[in-house]
Amino acid sequence: MSVTPPPERPIAEVYDAAYAGVPNWDVGRPQAAFVHLEEAGLVADPVLDVGCGTGELSVFLARRGHRVLGIDLSPLAVRQAREKARWRRVPAEFLVWDALYLSTLADAGLSFRTVVDSAMFHVLGDAERDRFVDELETVVEPGGLYCTLGDARRDSRAVYGLTPAELRRRFGSEWEMVFAVETRFDRRWGATPAYFVGMRRR
C-alpha cells in the first residue's frame, strides 16, 4: 500500500521499549471477548485491528478466514506481528500506523466493516479519544461495527479506562450502541475488570 505514513509520536518509543520484553497485556492469545464475538458471527470483512500489538487478535481472525489489517504505532510490535503471522502461515497484514490518522487510510481507498480494539481506546487521552472517533468515521462503512475492550474506569476523575456511558456520549448520534458487557481483561499476571462495547455506525 503506497501511502505516506503519519508523523511518529514519541510514545511509539515507549511501546517499543515495552515490546522489547513481553508486556503484561500480551498474553499470547486473543482476549476471550473477541473470540466470543467471532464465534457469534459478528465479525464482517474486511477487519481493521487498531493497536494490534504483536498481532494475536489479527492472527486469530485471519486463521478463522477473515481479511485483516492490523495497525500499531510501535514498529517493534508490528515486526513481531508479521513474524508471528509468517510462522503460523496466516495471511494477516500489518502496518506501522497511528490510529489517530485513519483518514489517510480512507484517502487511500480503504474501508472496513469491523474494527476491533483490544485495549487501545482505554489508554488514549481526552482529546485523543474525540479525534479517534472522528477518524474512525472515515474508515467504517455504514452498518459497520467498532468493538473495544478496555479496563473499567475506577476513578470518575481519571481519563484512563472506559465506561459504556462515555462511549455513548463520545460517539454521538452517528453511532448506535449494540452491546455493553462487563467482563475481564486478562494479563500475564492476573486480570482486571473491563467493559466490552460494540458501537455500530448508522
N, C-alpha and C. Protein backbone atom coordinates (compact mmCIF):
# COMPACT_ATOMS: atom_id res chain seq x y z
N MET A 1 0.85 -1.18 0.00
CA MET A 1 0.00 0.00 0.00
C MET A 1 0.89 1.23 0.00
N SER A 2 0.67 2.12 -0.96
CA SER A 2 1.52 3.29 -1.12
C SER A 2 0.84 4.51 -0.52
N VAL A 3 1.09 4.75 0.75
CA VAL A 3 0.60 5.94 1.42
C VAL A 3 1.71 6.49 2.30
N THR A 4 1.69 7.79 2.50
CA THR A 4 2.70 8.42 3.35
C THR A 4 2.33 8.18 4.80
N PRO A 5 3.22 7.58 5.57
CA PRO A 5 2.88 7.30 6.97
C PRO A 5 2.73 8.58 7.77
N PRO A 6 1.91 8.55 8.81
CA PRO A 6 1.73 9.74 9.66
C PRO A 6 2.99 10.01 10.46
N PRO A 7 3.10 11.23 11.01
CA PRO A 7 4.27 11.53 11.84
C PRO A 7 4.33 10.62 13.06
N GLU A 8 5.53 10.28 13.46
CA GLU A 8 5.68 9.38 14.61
C GLU A 8 5.54 10.15 15.91
N ARG A 9 4.72 9.61 16.81
CA ARG A 9 4.58 10.22 18.12
C ARG A 9 5.64 9.65 19.07
N PRO A 10 6.15 10.48 20.01
CA PRO A 10 7.18 9.99 20.94
C PRO A 10 6.78 8.74 21.71
N ILE A 11 5.46 8.57 21.93
CA ILE A 11 5.02 7.40 22.71
C ILE A 11 5.32 6.09 21.99
N ALA A 12 5.58 6.15 20.68
CA ALA A 12 5.94 4.93 19.95
C ALA A 12 7.20 4.31 20.55
N GLU A 13 8.13 5.15 20.99
CA GLU A 13 9.36 4.65 21.61
C GLU A 13 9.07 3.96 22.94
N VAL A 14 8.07 4.45 23.66
CA VAL A 14 7.68 3.84 24.93
C VAL A 14 7.17 2.43 24.69
N TYR A 15 6.33 2.28 23.66
CA TYR A 15 5.79 0.96 23.36
C TYR A 15 6.86 0.04 22.78
N ASP A 16 7.77 0.58 21.99
CA ASP A 16 8.89 -0.23 21.50
C ASP A 16 9.67 -0.81 22.68
N ALA A 17 9.90 0.03 23.70
CA ALA A 17 10.63 -0.44 24.88
C ALA A 17 9.86 -1.55 25.59
N ALA A 18 8.53 -1.42 25.65
CA ALA A 18 7.70 -2.45 26.29
C ALA A 18 7.78 -3.76 25.52
N TYR A 19 7.74 -3.67 24.18
CA TYR A 19 7.74 -4.88 23.36
C TYR A 19 9.13 -5.48 23.20
N ALA A 20 10.15 -4.79 23.72
CA ALA A 20 11.49 -5.40 23.75
C ALA A 20 11.50 -6.59 24.71
N GLY A 21 10.56 -6.57 25.65
CA GLY A 21 10.33 -7.72 26.52
C GLY A 21 8.97 -8.29 26.18
N VAL A 22 8.27 -8.80 27.19
CA VAL A 22 6.90 -9.28 26.98
C VAL A 22 6.01 -8.48 27.92
N PRO A 23 5.27 -7.50 27.39
CA PRO A 23 4.44 -6.67 28.26
C PRO A 23 3.32 -7.46 28.93
N ASN A 24 2.89 -6.94 30.05
CA ASN A 24 1.89 -7.64 30.87
C ASN A 24 0.59 -7.89 30.11
N TRP A 25 0.27 -7.01 29.15
CA TRP A 25 -1.01 -7.15 28.43
C TRP A 25 -0.94 -8.15 27.28
N ASP A 26 0.25 -8.62 26.94
CA ASP A 26 0.42 -9.55 25.82
C ASP A 26 0.39 -10.97 26.36
N VAL A 27 -0.80 -11.60 26.31
CA VAL A 27 -0.98 -12.90 26.96
C VAL A 27 -0.77 -14.09 26.01
N GLY A 28 -0.40 -13.82 24.76
CA GLY A 28 -0.13 -14.91 23.83
C GLY A 28 -1.36 -15.53 23.20
N ARG A 29 -2.49 -14.84 23.31
CA ARG A 29 -3.74 -15.31 22.71
C ARG A 29 -4.67 -14.11 22.65
N PRO A 30 -5.72 -14.18 21.82
CA PRO A 30 -6.69 -13.08 21.82
C PRO A 30 -7.51 -13.09 23.09
N GLN A 31 -7.97 -11.93 23.49
CA GLN A 31 -8.86 -11.85 24.65
C GLN A 31 -10.15 -12.59 24.36
N ALA A 32 -10.70 -13.24 25.37
CA ALA A 32 -11.87 -14.11 25.19
C ALA A 32 -13.07 -13.38 24.59
N ALA A 33 -13.23 -12.10 24.92
CA ALA A 33 -14.38 -11.35 24.40
C ALA A 33 -14.40 -11.35 22.88
N PHE A 34 -13.22 -11.23 22.26
CA PHE A 34 -13.16 -11.20 20.79
C PHE A 34 -13.36 -12.59 20.20
N VAL A 35 -12.93 -13.61 20.91
CA VAL A 35 -13.18 -14.98 20.45
C VAL A 35 -14.69 -15.22 20.40
N HIS A 36 -15.39 -14.81 21.47
CA HIS A 36 -16.85 -14.97 21.51
C HIS A 36 -17.53 -14.15 20.41
N LEU A 37 -16.99 -12.96 20.14
CA LEU A 37 -17.55 -12.11 19.08
C LEU A 37 -17.47 -12.82 17.73
N GLU A 38 -16.33 -13.41 17.44
CA GLU A 38 -16.16 -14.10 16.16
C GLU A 38 -17.03 -15.35 16.10
N GLU A 39 -17.09 -16.09 17.19
CA GLU A 39 -17.90 -17.31 17.21
C GLU A 39 -19.38 -17.01 17.06
N ALA A 40 -19.79 -15.80 17.46
CA ALA A 40 -21.19 -15.40 17.33
C ALA A 40 -21.52 -14.91 15.92
N GLY A 41 -20.52 -14.87 15.05
CA GLY A 41 -20.74 -14.45 13.67
C GLY A 41 -20.87 -12.96 13.49
N LEU A 42 -20.31 -12.17 14.42
CA LEU A 42 -20.46 -10.72 14.38
C LEU A 42 -19.27 -10.00 13.75
N VAL A 43 -18.30 -10.75 13.25
CA VAL A 43 -17.14 -10.13 12.60
C VAL A 43 -17.33 -10.22 11.09
N ALA A 44 -17.44 -9.06 10.45
CA ALA A 44 -17.61 -9.00 8.99
C ALA A 44 -16.36 -8.41 8.36
N ASP A 45 -16.03 -8.89 7.18
CA ASP A 45 -14.82 -8.42 6.48
C ASP A 45 -15.11 -7.17 5.65
N PRO A 46 -14.05 -6.41 5.41
CA PRO A 46 -12.71 -6.53 5.96
C PRO A 46 -12.64 -6.00 7.39
N VAL A 47 -11.58 -6.42 8.11
CA VAL A 47 -11.42 -6.11 9.52
C VAL A 47 -10.17 -5.26 9.73
N LEU A 48 -10.29 -4.24 10.56
CA LEU A 48 -9.14 -3.44 10.99
C LEU A 48 -8.93 -3.67 12.47
N ASP A 49 -7.71 -4.02 12.85
CA ASP A 49 -7.34 -4.23 14.25
C ASP A 49 -6.46 -3.05 14.66
N VAL A 50 -7.04 -2.12 15.43
CA VAL A 50 -6.29 -0.92 15.83
C VAL A 50 -5.53 -1.20 17.12
N GLY A 51 -4.25 -0.78 17.16
CA GLY A 51 -3.42 -1.08 18.32
C GLY A 51 -3.20 -2.57 18.44
N CYS A 52 -2.81 -3.18 17.32
CA CYS A 52 -2.77 -4.66 17.24
C CYS A 52 -1.67 -5.30 18.05
N GLY A 53 -0.67 -4.52 18.50
CA GLY A 53 0.43 -5.11 19.26
C GLY A 53 1.14 -6.18 18.45
N THR A 54 1.43 -7.31 19.08
CA THR A 54 2.16 -8.38 18.38
C THR A 54 1.24 -9.28 17.56
N GLY A 55 -0.03 -8.88 17.40
CA GLY A 55 -0.87 -9.49 16.39
C GLY A 55 -1.70 -10.71 16.77
N GLU A 56 -1.82 -11.03 18.05
CA GLU A 56 -2.57 -12.24 18.42
C GLU A 56 -4.01 -12.21 17.91
N LEU A 57 -4.69 -11.07 18.07
CA LEU A 57 -6.08 -10.99 17.64
C LEU A 57 -6.17 -11.03 16.11
N SER A 58 -5.30 -10.29 15.44
CA SER A 58 -5.30 -10.30 13.97
C SER A 58 -5.05 -11.69 13.42
N VAL A 59 -4.08 -12.38 13.99
CA VAL A 59 -3.74 -13.73 13.52
C VAL A 59 -4.90 -14.69 13.77
N PHE A 60 -5.53 -14.57 14.93
CA PHE A 60 -6.69 -15.42 15.22
C PHE A 60 -7.79 -15.20 14.19
N LEU A 61 -8.11 -13.95 13.90
CA LEU A 61 -9.18 -13.66 12.95
C LEU A 61 -8.81 -14.11 11.54
N ALA A 62 -7.56 -13.93 11.16
CA ALA A 62 -7.13 -14.37 9.83
C ALA A 62 -7.20 -15.89 9.72
N ARG A 63 -6.86 -16.57 10.79
CA ARG A 63 -6.93 -18.03 10.79
C ARG A 63 -8.38 -18.50 10.66
N ARG A 64 -9.33 -17.69 11.14
CA ARG A 64 -10.75 -18.02 11.01
C ARG A 64 -11.31 -17.60 9.65
N GLY A 65 -10.44 -17.13 8.76
CA GLY A 65 -10.85 -16.84 7.40
C GLY A 65 -11.15 -15.39 7.10
N HIS A 66 -10.88 -14.48 8.03
CA HIS A 66 -11.17 -13.07 7.82
C HIS A 66 -10.00 -12.35 7.14
N ARG A 67 -10.33 -11.29 6.40
CA ARG A 67 -9.32 -10.42 5.81
C ARG A 67 -9.02 -9.32 6.82
N VAL A 68 -7.79 -9.31 7.32
CA VAL A 68 -7.45 -8.46 8.46
C VAL A 68 -6.23 -7.60 8.17
N LEU A 69 -6.34 -6.33 8.55
CA LEU A 69 -5.19 -5.43 8.60
C LEU A 69 -5.00 -5.00 10.04
N GLY A 70 -3.83 -5.28 10.61
CA GLY A 70 -3.50 -4.83 11.96
C GLY A 70 -2.59 -3.63 11.89
N ILE A 71 -2.87 -2.61 12.70
CA ILE A 71 -2.01 -1.43 12.75
C ILE A 71 -1.58 -1.16 14.18
N ASP A 72 -0.36 -0.66 14.31
CA ASP A 72 0.16 -0.27 15.62
C ASP A 72 1.22 0.78 15.40
N LEU A 73 1.37 1.70 16.36
CA LEU A 73 2.38 2.74 16.20
C LEU A 73 3.77 2.27 16.62
N SER A 74 3.88 1.07 17.17
CA SER A 74 5.17 0.51 17.56
C SER A 74 5.77 -0.32 16.42
N PRO A 75 6.86 0.14 15.81
CA PRO A 75 7.50 -0.65 14.76
C PRO A 75 7.92 -2.04 15.24
N LEU A 76 8.38 -2.12 16.49
CA LEU A 76 8.81 -3.42 17.01
C LEU A 76 7.64 -4.38 17.14
N ALA A 77 6.51 -3.90 17.63
CA ALA A 77 5.32 -4.76 17.75
C ALA A 77 4.87 -5.26 16.38
N VAL A 78 4.88 -4.38 15.39
CA VAL A 78 4.45 -4.76 14.04
C VAL A 78 5.42 -5.78 13.45
N ARG A 79 6.70 -5.60 13.70
CA ARG A 79 7.68 -6.57 13.21
C ARG A 79 7.42 -7.95 13.83
N GLN A 80 7.13 -7.98 15.12
CA GLN A 80 6.84 -9.24 15.79
C GLN A 80 5.54 -9.85 15.27
N ALA A 81 4.54 -9.00 14.98
CA ALA A 81 3.27 -9.49 14.45
C ALA A 81 3.46 -10.13 13.07
N ARG A 82 4.24 -9.49 12.22
CA ARG A 82 4.50 -10.04 10.89
C ARG A 82 5.21 -11.38 10.98
N GLU A 83 6.16 -11.46 11.89
CA GLU A 83 6.90 -12.71 12.08
C GLU A 83 5.96 -13.81 12.59
N LYS A 84 5.08 -13.45 13.50
CA LYS A 84 4.13 -14.42 14.05
C LYS A 84 3.21 -14.95 12.96
N ALA A 85 2.70 -14.04 12.13
CA ALA A 85 1.81 -14.45 11.04
C ALA A 85 2.54 -15.35 10.04
N ARG A 86 3.80 -15.02 9.78
CA ARG A 86 4.57 -15.83 8.83
C ARG A 86 4.80 -17.23 9.37
N TRP A 87 5.17 -17.34 10.63
CA TRP A 87 5.44 -18.66 11.20
C TRP A 87 4.16 -19.48 11.35
N ARG A 88 3.05 -18.82 11.60
CA ARG A 88 1.78 -19.55 11.75
C ARG A 88 1.07 -19.73 10.40
N ARG A 89 1.66 -19.17 9.37
CA ARG A 89 1.15 -19.32 8.00
C ARG A 89 -0.29 -18.85 7.85
N VAL A 90 -0.52 -17.63 8.34
CA VAL A 90 -1.82 -17.00 8.15
C VAL A 90 -1.61 -15.67 7.42
N PRO A 91 -2.59 -15.24 6.62
CA PRO A 91 -2.39 -14.09 5.74
C PRO A 91 -2.74 -12.73 6.35
N ALA A 92 -2.65 -12.56 7.65
CA ALA A 92 -2.90 -11.25 8.24
C ALA A 92 -1.84 -10.26 7.75
N GLU A 93 -2.26 -9.02 7.52
CA GLU A 93 -1.34 -7.97 7.10
C GLU A 93 -1.18 -6.96 8.23
N PHE A 94 0.01 -6.36 8.29
CA PHE A 94 0.30 -5.42 9.38
C PHE A 94 0.99 -4.17 8.83
N LEU A 95 0.73 -3.07 9.51
CA LEU A 95 1.25 -1.79 9.07
C LEU A 95 1.59 -0.94 10.30
N VAL A 96 2.77 -0.31 10.27
CA VAL A 96 3.10 0.66 11.32
C VAL A 96 2.27 1.90 11.04
N TRP A 97 1.30 2.16 11.91
CA TRP A 97 0.36 3.25 11.65
C TRP A 97 -0.26 3.73 12.95
N ASP A 98 -0.50 5.02 13.03
CA ASP A 98 -1.12 5.65 14.19
C ASP A 98 -2.63 5.68 13.98
N ALA A 99 -3.39 5.13 14.91
CA ALA A 99 -4.84 5.08 14.79
C ALA A 99 -5.49 6.45 14.83
N LEU A 100 -4.73 7.48 15.16
CA LEU A 100 -5.27 8.84 15.12
C LEU A 100 -5.19 9.44 13.72
N TYR A 101 -4.75 8.65 12.75
CA TYR A 101 -4.63 9.11 11.35
C TYR A 101 -5.31 8.12 10.41
N LEU A 102 -6.47 7.61 10.79
CA LEU A 102 -7.17 6.65 9.95
C LEU A 102 -7.68 7.28 8.66
N SER A 103 -7.92 8.58 8.66
CA SER A 103 -8.45 9.23 7.47
C SER A 103 -7.48 9.12 6.29
N THR A 104 -6.19 8.99 6.57
CA THR A 104 -5.23 8.81 5.48
C THR A 104 -5.42 7.45 4.83
N LEU A 105 -5.78 6.45 5.61
CA LEU A 105 -6.10 5.14 5.03
C LEU A 105 -7.37 5.25 4.18
N ALA A 106 -8.33 6.03 4.67
CA ALA A 106 -9.56 6.23 3.89
C ALA A 106 -9.25 6.92 2.57
N ASP A 107 -8.34 7.89 2.60
CA ASP A 107 -7.95 8.59 1.37
C ASP A 107 -7.29 7.65 0.37
N ALA A 108 -6.68 6.57 0.89
CA ALA A 108 -6.06 5.57 0.02
C ALA A 108 -7.07 4.53 -0.47
N GLY A 109 -8.34 4.71 -0.11
CA GLY A 109 -9.38 3.83 -0.61
C GLY A 109 -9.76 2.68 0.30
N LEU A 110 -9.25 2.67 1.53
CA LEU A 110 -9.56 1.57 2.45
C LEU A 110 -10.79 1.88 3.28
N SER A 111 -11.62 0.88 3.49
CA SER A 111 -12.75 0.98 4.41
C SER A 111 -12.95 -0.40 5.03
N PHE A 112 -13.65 -0.42 6.18
CA PHE A 112 -13.77 -1.65 6.96
C PHE A 112 -15.18 -1.82 7.48
N ARG A 113 -15.59 -3.07 7.58
CA ARG A 113 -16.92 -3.39 8.13
C ARG A 113 -16.83 -3.71 9.62
N THR A 114 -15.63 -4.09 10.08
CA THR A 114 -15.42 -4.36 11.51
C THR A 114 -14.09 -3.75 11.94
N VAL A 115 -14.11 -3.05 13.06
CA VAL A 115 -12.88 -2.55 13.68
C VAL A 115 -12.82 -3.12 15.09
N VAL A 116 -11.73 -3.80 15.40
CA VAL A 116 -11.55 -4.37 16.73
C VAL A 116 -10.45 -3.60 17.45
N ASP A 117 -10.63 -3.43 18.73
CA ASP A 117 -9.74 -2.60 19.54
C ASP A 117 -9.56 -3.28 20.89
N SER A 118 -8.45 -3.98 21.04
CA SER A 118 -8.15 -4.67 22.29
C SER A 118 -7.21 -3.80 23.11
N ALA A 119 -7.79 -2.95 23.95
CA ALA A 119 -7.05 -2.14 24.91
C ALA A 119 -6.27 -0.99 24.29
N MET A 120 -6.79 -0.37 23.23
CA MET A 120 -6.17 0.85 22.74
C MET A 120 -6.93 2.09 23.22
N PHE A 121 -8.25 2.12 22.98
CA PHE A 121 -9.03 3.30 23.34
C PHE A 121 -8.83 3.68 24.81
N HIS A 122 -8.75 2.69 25.67
CA HIS A 122 -8.74 2.98 27.11
C HIS A 122 -7.47 3.67 27.59
N VAL A 123 -6.43 3.75 26.75
CA VAL A 123 -5.21 4.45 27.15
C VAL A 123 -5.10 5.84 26.51
N LEU A 124 -6.01 6.18 25.60
CA LEU A 124 -5.94 7.48 24.93
C LEU A 124 -6.28 8.61 25.90
N GLY A 125 -5.72 9.78 25.62
CA GLY A 125 -6.06 10.98 26.37
C GLY A 125 -7.43 11.50 25.96
N ASP A 126 -7.91 12.51 26.66
CA ASP A 126 -9.26 13.02 26.42
C ASP A 126 -9.44 13.52 24.99
N ALA A 127 -8.58 14.41 24.54
CA ALA A 127 -8.70 14.96 23.19
C ALA A 127 -8.43 13.88 22.14
N GLU A 128 -7.53 12.95 22.45
CA GLU A 128 -7.23 11.87 21.52
C GLU A 128 -8.46 10.99 21.27
N ARG A 129 -9.27 10.79 22.29
CA ARG A 129 -10.47 9.96 22.14
C ARG A 129 -11.45 10.58 21.15
N ASP A 130 -11.66 11.88 21.26
CA ASP A 130 -12.55 12.55 20.32
C ASP A 130 -11.98 12.50 18.90
N ARG A 131 -10.68 12.70 18.79
CA ARG A 131 -10.07 12.63 17.46
C ARG A 131 -10.20 11.23 16.87
N PHE A 132 -9.97 10.21 17.70
CA PHE A 132 -10.08 8.83 17.21
C PHE A 132 -11.47 8.55 16.67
N VAL A 133 -12.50 9.00 17.38
CA VAL A 133 -13.88 8.78 16.91
C VAL A 133 -14.08 9.45 15.56
N ASP A 134 -13.59 10.68 15.41
CA ASP A 134 -13.72 11.38 14.13
C ASP A 134 -13.00 10.62 13.02
N GLU A 135 -11.79 10.13 13.31
CA GLU A 135 -11.02 9.39 12.33
C GLU A 135 -11.68 8.05 11.99
N LEU A 136 -12.25 7.42 13.01
CA LEU A 136 -12.90 6.12 12.82
C LEU A 136 -14.04 6.23 11.81
N GLU A 137 -14.77 7.33 11.88
CA GLU A 137 -15.92 7.51 10.98
C GLU A 137 -15.50 7.55 9.52
N THR A 138 -14.23 7.86 9.25
CA THR A 138 -13.78 7.95 7.85
C THR A 138 -13.52 6.57 7.25
N VAL A 139 -13.32 5.54 8.07
CA VAL A 139 -12.97 4.22 7.53
C VAL A 139 -14.02 3.14 7.80
N VAL A 140 -14.97 3.41 8.68
CA VAL A 140 -16.01 2.41 8.98
C VAL A 140 -17.20 2.62 8.05
N GLU A 141 -17.58 1.59 7.33
CA GLU A 141 -18.71 1.67 6.42
C GLU A 141 -20.01 1.81 7.20
N PRO A 142 -21.03 2.44 6.62
CA PRO A 142 -22.34 2.46 7.27
C PRO A 142 -22.79 1.04 7.60
N GLY A 143 -23.24 0.84 8.83
CA GLY A 143 -23.60 -0.50 9.29
C GLY A 143 -22.43 -1.25 9.88
N GLY A 144 -21.23 -0.67 9.77
CA GLY A 144 -20.03 -1.32 10.30
C GLY A 144 -19.97 -1.26 11.81
N LEU A 145 -19.18 -2.14 12.39
CA LEU A 145 -19.13 -2.33 13.84
C LEU A 145 -17.74 -2.03 14.39
N TYR A 146 -17.69 -1.22 15.45
CA TYR A 146 -16.46 -0.98 16.22
C TYR A 146 -16.63 -1.63 17.58
N CYS A 147 -15.68 -2.50 17.95
CA CYS A 147 -15.75 -3.22 19.23
C CYS A 147 -14.48 -2.95 20.02
N THR A 148 -14.65 -2.46 21.23
CA THR A 148 -13.48 -2.16 22.06
C THR A 148 -13.57 -2.87 23.40
N LEU A 149 -12.44 -3.38 23.85
CA LEU A 149 -12.29 -3.98 25.17
C LEU A 149 -11.29 -3.14 25.94
N GLY A 150 -11.67 -2.70 27.12
CA GLY A 150 -10.75 -1.89 27.90
C GLY A 150 -11.06 -1.96 29.38
N ASP A 151 -10.09 -1.60 30.18
CA ASP A 151 -10.27 -1.61 31.64
C ASP A 151 -11.43 -0.70 32.03
N ALA A 152 -12.24 -1.17 32.97
CA ALA A 152 -13.32 -0.35 33.51
C ALA A 152 -12.71 0.81 34.30
N ARG A 153 -13.20 2.00 34.07
CA ARG A 153 -12.68 3.16 34.80
C ARG A 153 -13.04 3.06 36.27
N ARG A 154 -12.03 3.17 37.10
CA ARG A 154 -12.24 3.04 38.54
C ARG A 154 -12.48 4.38 39.21
N ASP A 155 -11.91 5.44 38.64
CA ASP A 155 -11.99 6.77 39.23
C ASP A 155 -12.68 7.69 38.23
N SER A 156 -13.80 8.25 38.59
CA SER A 156 -14.56 9.10 37.66
C SER A 156 -13.78 10.36 37.27
N ARG A 157 -12.77 10.71 38.05
CA ARG A 157 -11.97 11.90 37.73
C ARG A 157 -10.83 11.58 36.76
N ALA A 158 -10.60 10.30 36.50
CA ALA A 158 -9.49 9.88 35.65
C ALA A 158 -9.94 9.76 34.20
N VAL A 159 -8.97 9.79 33.30
CA VAL A 159 -9.24 9.56 31.88
C VAL A 159 -9.04 8.09 31.55
N TYR A 160 -8.04 7.47 32.15
CA TYR A 160 -7.73 6.07 31.86
C TYR A 160 -8.94 5.17 32.10
N GLY A 161 -9.06 4.16 31.24
CA GLY A 161 -10.19 3.24 31.35
C GLY A 161 -11.35 3.73 30.50
N LEU A 162 -12.48 3.03 30.61
CA LEU A 162 -13.65 3.46 29.85
C LEU A 162 -14.92 3.02 30.55
N THR A 163 -16.03 3.63 30.15
CA THR A 163 -17.36 3.23 30.60
C THR A 163 -18.28 3.25 29.38
N PRO A 164 -19.33 2.43 29.38
CA PRO A 164 -20.30 2.49 28.28
C PRO A 164 -20.91 3.87 28.12
N ALA A 165 -21.17 4.56 29.23
CA ALA A 165 -21.77 5.89 29.16
C ALA A 165 -20.86 6.86 28.41
N GLU A 166 -19.57 6.76 28.65
CA GLU A 166 -18.64 7.64 27.95
C GLU A 166 -18.65 7.36 26.45
N LEU A 167 -18.64 6.09 26.08
CA LEU A 167 -18.64 5.75 24.66
C LEU A 167 -19.91 6.24 23.98
N ARG A 168 -21.03 6.09 24.64
CA ARG A 168 -22.30 6.57 24.07
C ARG A 168 -22.23 8.08 23.83
N ARG A 169 -21.64 8.79 24.79
CA ARG A 169 -21.54 10.24 24.67
C ARG A 169 -20.56 10.65 23.58
N ARG A 170 -19.40 10.03 23.56
CA ARG A 170 -18.37 10.45 22.60
C ARG A 170 -18.76 10.10 21.16
N PHE A 171 -19.41 8.96 20.96
CA PHE A 171 -19.74 8.53 19.61
C PHE A 171 -20.95 9.25 19.04
N GLY A 172 -21.86 9.69 19.88
CA GLY A 172 -22.96 10.53 19.43
C GLY A 172 -23.98 9.82 18.57
N SER A 173 -24.78 10.63 17.87
CA SER A 173 -25.95 10.11 17.17
C SER A 173 -25.61 9.35 15.89
N GLU A 174 -24.37 9.45 15.42
CA GLU A 174 -23.98 8.73 14.21
C GLU A 174 -23.74 7.24 14.48
N TRP A 175 -23.76 6.88 15.75
CA TRP A 175 -23.47 5.51 16.15
C TRP A 175 -24.55 5.00 17.09
N GLU A 176 -24.75 3.69 17.06
CA GLU A 176 -25.69 3.03 17.97
C GLU A 176 -24.94 2.00 18.81
N MET A 177 -25.13 2.04 20.13
CA MET A 177 -24.52 1.03 20.99
C MET A 177 -25.32 -0.26 20.87
N VAL A 178 -24.66 -1.34 20.44
CA VAL A 178 -25.37 -2.61 20.25
C VAL A 178 -25.12 -3.60 21.37
N PHE A 179 -24.04 -3.41 22.11
CA PHE A 179 -23.84 -4.20 23.32
C PHE A 179 -22.84 -3.51 24.23
N ALA A 180 -22.95 -3.78 25.51
CA ALA A 180 -22.00 -3.30 26.51
C ALA A 180 -21.99 -4.35 27.62
N VAL A 181 -20.88 -5.05 27.74
CA VAL A 181 -20.79 -6.21 28.62
C VAL A 181 -19.69 -6.01 29.66
N GLU A 182 -20.02 -6.29 30.91
CA GLU A 182 -18.98 -6.32 31.94
C GLU A 182 -18.22 -7.63 31.81
N THR A 183 -16.90 -7.54 31.76
CA THR A 183 -16.08 -8.74 31.57
C THR A 183 -14.73 -8.54 32.26
N ARG A 184 -13.70 -9.14 31.72
CA ARG A 184 -12.36 -9.01 32.30
C ARG A 184 -11.34 -8.87 31.19
N PHE A 185 -10.25 -8.22 31.52
CA PHE A 185 -9.12 -8.12 30.60
C PHE A 185 -7.98 -8.94 31.19
N ASP A 186 -7.65 -10.04 30.53
CA ASP A 186 -6.61 -10.93 31.05
C ASP A 186 -5.22 -10.33 30.82
N ARG A 187 -4.38 -10.50 31.81
CA ARG A 187 -2.98 -10.10 31.71
C ARG A 187 -2.11 -11.30 32.07
N ARG A 188 -0.83 -11.15 31.80
CA ARG A 188 0.08 -12.27 32.12
C ARG A 188 0.04 -12.56 33.61
N TRP A 189 -0.17 -11.52 34.39
CA TRP A 189 -0.27 -11.69 35.84
C TRP A 189 -1.62 -11.16 36.29
N GLY A 190 -2.61 -12.04 36.28
CA GLY A 190 -3.92 -11.67 36.77
C GLY A 190 -4.84 -11.12 35.69
N ALA A 191 -5.89 -10.42 36.13
CA ALA A 191 -6.88 -9.85 35.23
C ALA A 191 -7.50 -8.64 35.91
N THR A 192 -8.10 -7.77 35.09
CA THR A 192 -8.74 -6.58 35.63
C THR A 192 -10.18 -6.50 35.13
N PRO A 193 -11.08 -5.89 35.91
CA PRO A 193 -12.45 -5.68 35.43
C PRO A 193 -12.44 -4.83 34.17
N ALA A 194 -13.28 -5.17 33.21
CA ALA A 194 -13.27 -4.47 31.93
C ALA A 194 -14.68 -4.38 31.36
N TYR A 195 -14.80 -3.54 30.34
CA TYR A 195 -16.03 -3.47 29.54
C TYR A 195 -15.70 -3.87 28.11
N PHE A 196 -16.64 -4.57 27.50
CA PHE A 196 -16.56 -4.90 26.07
C PHE A 196 -17.77 -4.23 25.43
N VAL A 197 -17.51 -3.27 24.55
CA VAL A 197 -18.58 -2.44 23.99
C VAL A 197 -18.55 -2.48 22.48
N GLY A 198 -19.73 -2.61 21.90
CA GLY A 198 -19.86 -2.60 20.44
C GLY A 198 -20.69 -1.41 19.98
N MET A 199 -20.14 -0.62 19.05
CA MET A 199 -20.83 0.54 18.50
C MET A 199 -21.00 0.32 16.98
N ARG A 200 -22.24 0.47 16.51
CA ARG A 200 -22.49 0.29 15.08
C ARG A 200 -22.76 1.65 14.43
N ARG A 201 -22.07 1.88 13.31
CA ARG A 201 -22.27 3.14 12.60
C ARG A 201 -23.59 3.12 11.86
N ARG A 202 -24.37 4.16 12.02
CA ARG A 202 -25.69 4.23 11.38
C ARG A 202 -25.55 4.51 9.88
